Structures are given as C-alpha cells and as structure tokens.
Amino acid sequence: YGDDRCQEYYAGATAVGLKVGAYIFAQSITVEEAVEEAEFVLEQVKDWDVQMPLVYDWEYVNASARTAKVRPRDLTDCTLAFCDAIQDAGLEAMVYFNVSQGRDLLYLEELTIYPFWLAMYESPMNYQYEVEYWQYTRFGSVPGIPGNADINLRLPKRPIV
C-alpha cells in the first residue's frame, strides 16, 4: 500500500525546488511480485516529474514474516525484475540495501548494472562496490521531521546538473 501522504510530500518537495524520486519498502519473494511492486510504484508517480531514482528497498521484517527465509537467488532475481521494469518504463532504478543484506542475501555482482544506495553506519565508508548513495546514520536531525531521520550523502559517478 502507498503512503497516504505521498502526493503531499511530492508537492512540498517540488514546491521548494527539490528533485524527487521514490522508494518502495519491498516485500516481494517472486519475480512476479517484484514486477507488481514496480508497477505499483510507477502508478504512484505517473503524474510526477521524476528526476531521481525509483528505489527497490527490500528489508528484513522479522522471523515470522513470509519473507524471512528468502534465498539470495530469489531476492537477486526480484531486485533485477523490479529494476528492469522501472528502466523499461524510462525511469532510473536503484537498489537499496544494508551491509548484511549485501553480504548474505544478494548477488551484488549481478546487480552492478544499477546504482547502489548503501546503509552503512561506519565512517569512513569503505565498501567493495561502487556506491552512489550512502546512508551514514539513522539518528540524524532534520528540521520539520520529529525524532530521528536517516541522513544520506550522494557520491556521484557523474556531475550533478
């Protein structure tokens, strides 16, 4: 399901000149479900001026979730299916993951055709793959956001326009 305030956030972000993308807290365990998730995201942003990636953010929920025993082959295939569907729609796809997911649940070498967004709370960040975005803390402070916020840096491979 979508965030009830998604369109409000888009309007607020674009009103102050921010470039906008989106991510899905994905829970697919089959390629078919991953494509459905991509289609859902594309439907949510169909009227947007999308200038940033649409991100596949598959995260572990808990030991009793239906996703708890996903195999690396299946999750890698789901990630590729989502990203391929986004790219086929003419938008940029990206893969979000944390260090343990990258090590234990994904065949990252197969995913390097898409940019990576890595959650790694160590500084300096040193990682074996090229990373375009680095989530370096989950305890940041942002005006207008109550409580802790994730803070990210863009590590561009290309000039920012």
Protein backbone atom coordinates (compact mmCIF):
# COMPACT_ATOMS: atom_id res chain seq x y z
CA TYR A 1 0.00 0.00 0.00
CA GLY A 2 1.09 3.55 -0.58
CA ASP A 3 1.90 6.26 1.90
CA ASP A 4 -1.27 8.31 2.42
CA ARG A 5 0.83 11.49 2.32
CA CYS A 6 2.92 10.57 -0.72
CA GLN A 7 1.37 13.16 -3.02
CA GLU A 8 1.57 15.82 -0.29
CA TYR A 9 5.29 15.11 0.16
CA TYR A 10 5.83 15.32 -3.59
CA ALA A 11 4.05 18.68 -3.79
CA GLY A 12 6.02 20.05 -0.84
CA ALA A 13 9.36 18.86 -2.18
CA THR A 14 8.83 20.19 -5.68
CA ALA A 15 7.47 23.49 -4.34
CA VAL A 16 10.89 24.20 -2.82
CA GLY A 17 12.77 23.01 -5.90
CA LEU A 18 13.88 19.54 -4.79
CA LYS A 19 14.40 16.77 -7.31
CA VAL A 20 12.14 13.85 -6.50
CA GLY A 21 12.28 10.07 -6.72
CA ALA A 22 10.63 7.38 -4.63
CA TYR A 23 11.28 4.04 -2.99
CA ILE A 24 9.21 1.04 -2.08
CA PHE A 25 9.60 -0.92 1.13
CA ALA A 26 9.54 -4.09 -0.96
CA GLN A 27 8.45 -7.48 0.30
CA SER A 28 8.43 -9.50 -2.90
CA ILE A 29 9.62 -13.09 -2.84
CA THR A 30 8.93 -13.89 -6.50
CA VAL A 31 9.78 -12.16 -9.75
CA GLU A 32 6.07 -11.71 -10.43
CA GLU A 33 5.59 -9.90 -7.12
CA ALA A 34 8.62 -7.69 -7.80
CA VAL A 35 7.14 -6.65 -11.15
CA GLU A 36 3.82 -5.90 -9.39
CA GLU A 37 5.71 -3.71 -6.92
CA ALA A 38 7.38 -1.85 -9.79
CA GLU A 39 4.01 -1.33 -11.46
CA PHE A 40 2.61 -0.03 -8.17
CA VAL A 41 5.44 2.50 -7.80
CA LEU A 42 5.07 3.59 -11.42
CA GLU A 43 1.35 4.15 -10.86
CA GLN A 44 2.05 6.25 -7.74
CA VAL A 45 4.47 8.55 -9.59
CA LYS A 46 2.76 8.62 -13.01
CA ASP A 47 1.96 12.35 -12.75
CA TRP A 48 5.29 13.35 -11.22
CA ASP A 49 8.33 14.95 -12.77
CA VAL A 50 10.63 12.14 -11.56
CA GLN A 51 14.25 13.32 -11.63
CA MET A 52 15.75 10.91 -9.11
CA PRO A 53 15.77 7.10 -8.99
CA LEU A 54 12.91 4.79 -8.10
CA VAL A 55 14.41 2.51 -5.50
CA TYR A 56 13.94 -1.14 -4.61
CA ASP A 57 14.27 -1.23 -0.79
CA TRP A 58 13.76 -4.83 0.33
CA GLU A 59 14.21 -5.16 4.07
CA TYR A 60 14.03 -7.96 6.61
CA VAL A 61 10.91 -7.63 8.77
CA ASN A 62 11.08 -10.43 11.36
CA ALA A 63 11.48 -14.18 11.70
CA SER A 64 7.76 -14.87 11.27
CA ALA A 65 7.30 -12.79 8.09
CA ARG A 66 6.71 -14.65 4.83
CA THR A 67 9.92 -13.02 3.54
CA ALA A 68 12.08 -14.33 6.41
CA LYS A 69 13.56 -17.28 4.53
CA VAL A 70 14.09 -15.68 1.14
CA ARG A 71 17.04 -17.16 -0.72
CA PRO A 72 19.75 -14.97 -2.27
CA ARG A 73 18.94 -16.26 -5.75
CA ASP A 74 15.28 -15.32 -5.36
CA LEU A 75 15.97 -11.89 -3.86
CA THR A 76 18.54 -11.08 -6.53
CA ASP A 77 16.05 -12.09 -9.23
CA CYS A 78 13.34 -9.96 -7.59
CA THR A 79 15.69 -6.99 -7.44
CA LEU A 80 16.59 -7.35 -11.10
CA ALA A 81 12.93 -7.74 -12.10
CA PHE A 82 11.90 -4.59 -10.22
CA CYS A 83 14.77 -2.53 -11.59
CA ASP A 84 14.31 -3.83 -15.13
CA ALA A 85 10.61 -2.86 -15.03
CA ILE A 86 11.45 0.65 -13.84
CA GLN A 87 14.13 1.07 -16.51
CA ASP A 88 11.76 -0.31 -19.17
CA ALA A 89 9.33 2.45 -18.19
CA GLY A 90 12.04 5.01 -18.97
CA LEU A 91 12.97 5.90 -15.40
CA GLU A 92 16.13 5.30 -13.38
CA ALA A 93 16.13 2.36 -10.96
CA MET A 94 18.34 1.94 -7.89
CA VAL A 95 19.00 -0.80 -5.30
CA TYR A 96 18.97 0.00 -1.57
CA PHE A 97 20.48 -2.46 0.92
CA ASN A 98 22.47 -2.65 4.12
CA VAL A 99 25.81 -4.34 4.64
CA SER A 100 24.42 -7.65 5.89
CA GLN A 101 21.89 -7.89 3.05
CA GLY A 102 24.62 -7.19 0.53
CA ARG A 103 26.78 -9.90 2.06
CA ASP A 104 24.16 -12.56 2.82
CA LEU A 105 21.12 -12.04 0.58
CA LEU A 106 22.18 -10.51 -2.73
CA TYR A 107 24.47 -11.47 -5.57
CA LEU A 108 25.72 -7.91 -5.88
CA GLU A 109 27.93 -8.59 -8.88
CA GLU A 110 24.76 -9.29 -10.89
CA LEU A 111 23.20 -6.02 -9.75
CA THR A 112 26.03 -3.63 -10.62
CA ILE A 113 24.19 -2.51 -13.76
CA TYR A 114 22.08 -0.44 -11.34
CA PRO A 115 23.34 2.16 -8.88
CA PHE A 116 23.62 1.18 -5.22
CA TRP A 117 22.33 3.01 -2.16
CA LEU A 118 24.10 1.53 0.86
CA ALA A 119 23.10 1.79 4.52
CA MET A 120 26.41 1.53 6.40
CA TYR A 121 26.86 3.28 9.70
CA GLU A 122 30.65 3.29 9.75
CA SER A 123 32.92 6.15 8.90
CA PRO A 124 34.86 6.35 6.77
CA MET A 125 32.70 4.33 4.43
CA ASN A 126 34.74 1.67 2.69
CA TYR A 127 32.87 -0.79 0.51
CA GLN A 128 33.91 -3.23 -2.19
CA TYR A 129 31.35 -1.96 -4.72
CA GLU A 130 30.78 1.50 -6.11
CA VAL A 131 28.03 3.22 -4.13
CA GLU A 132 26.08 6.22 -5.41
CA TYR A 133 24.24 7.00 -2.16
CA TRP A 134 25.48 6.35 1.35
CA GLN A 135 23.06 6.30 4.29
CA TYR A 136 25.54 7.03 7.04
CA THR A 137 23.22 7.44 10.03
CA ARG A 138 19.67 6.73 11.15
CA PHE A 139 19.97 9.17 14.05
CA GLY A 140 20.06 12.43 12.13
CA SER A 141 18.08 15.57 12.82
CA VAL A 142 16.13 17.35 10.09
CA PRO A 143 14.01 20.47 10.70
CA GLY A 144 10.33 19.55 10.34
CA ILE A 145 10.85 15.84 10.99
CA PRO A 146 10.11 14.80 14.58
CA GLY A 147 12.58 12.30 16.02
CA ASN A 148 15.49 10.65 14.26
CA ALA A 149 15.92 10.72 10.50
CA ASP A 150 18.11 8.78 8.07
CA ILE A 151 20.81 11.00 6.59
CA ASN A 152 22.38 10.22 3.22
CA LEU A 153 25.17 11.51 1.02
CA ARG A 154 25.30 11.33 -2.73
CA LEU A 155 28.62 10.06 -4.03
CA PRO A 156 28.12 10.88 -7.69
CA LYS A 157 29.67 8.96 -10.54
CA ARG A 158 28.71 11.77 -12.84
CA PRO A 159 28.37 15.55 -12.49
CA ILE A 160 25.24 16.81 -10.75
CA VAL A 161 23.25 19.03 -13.11
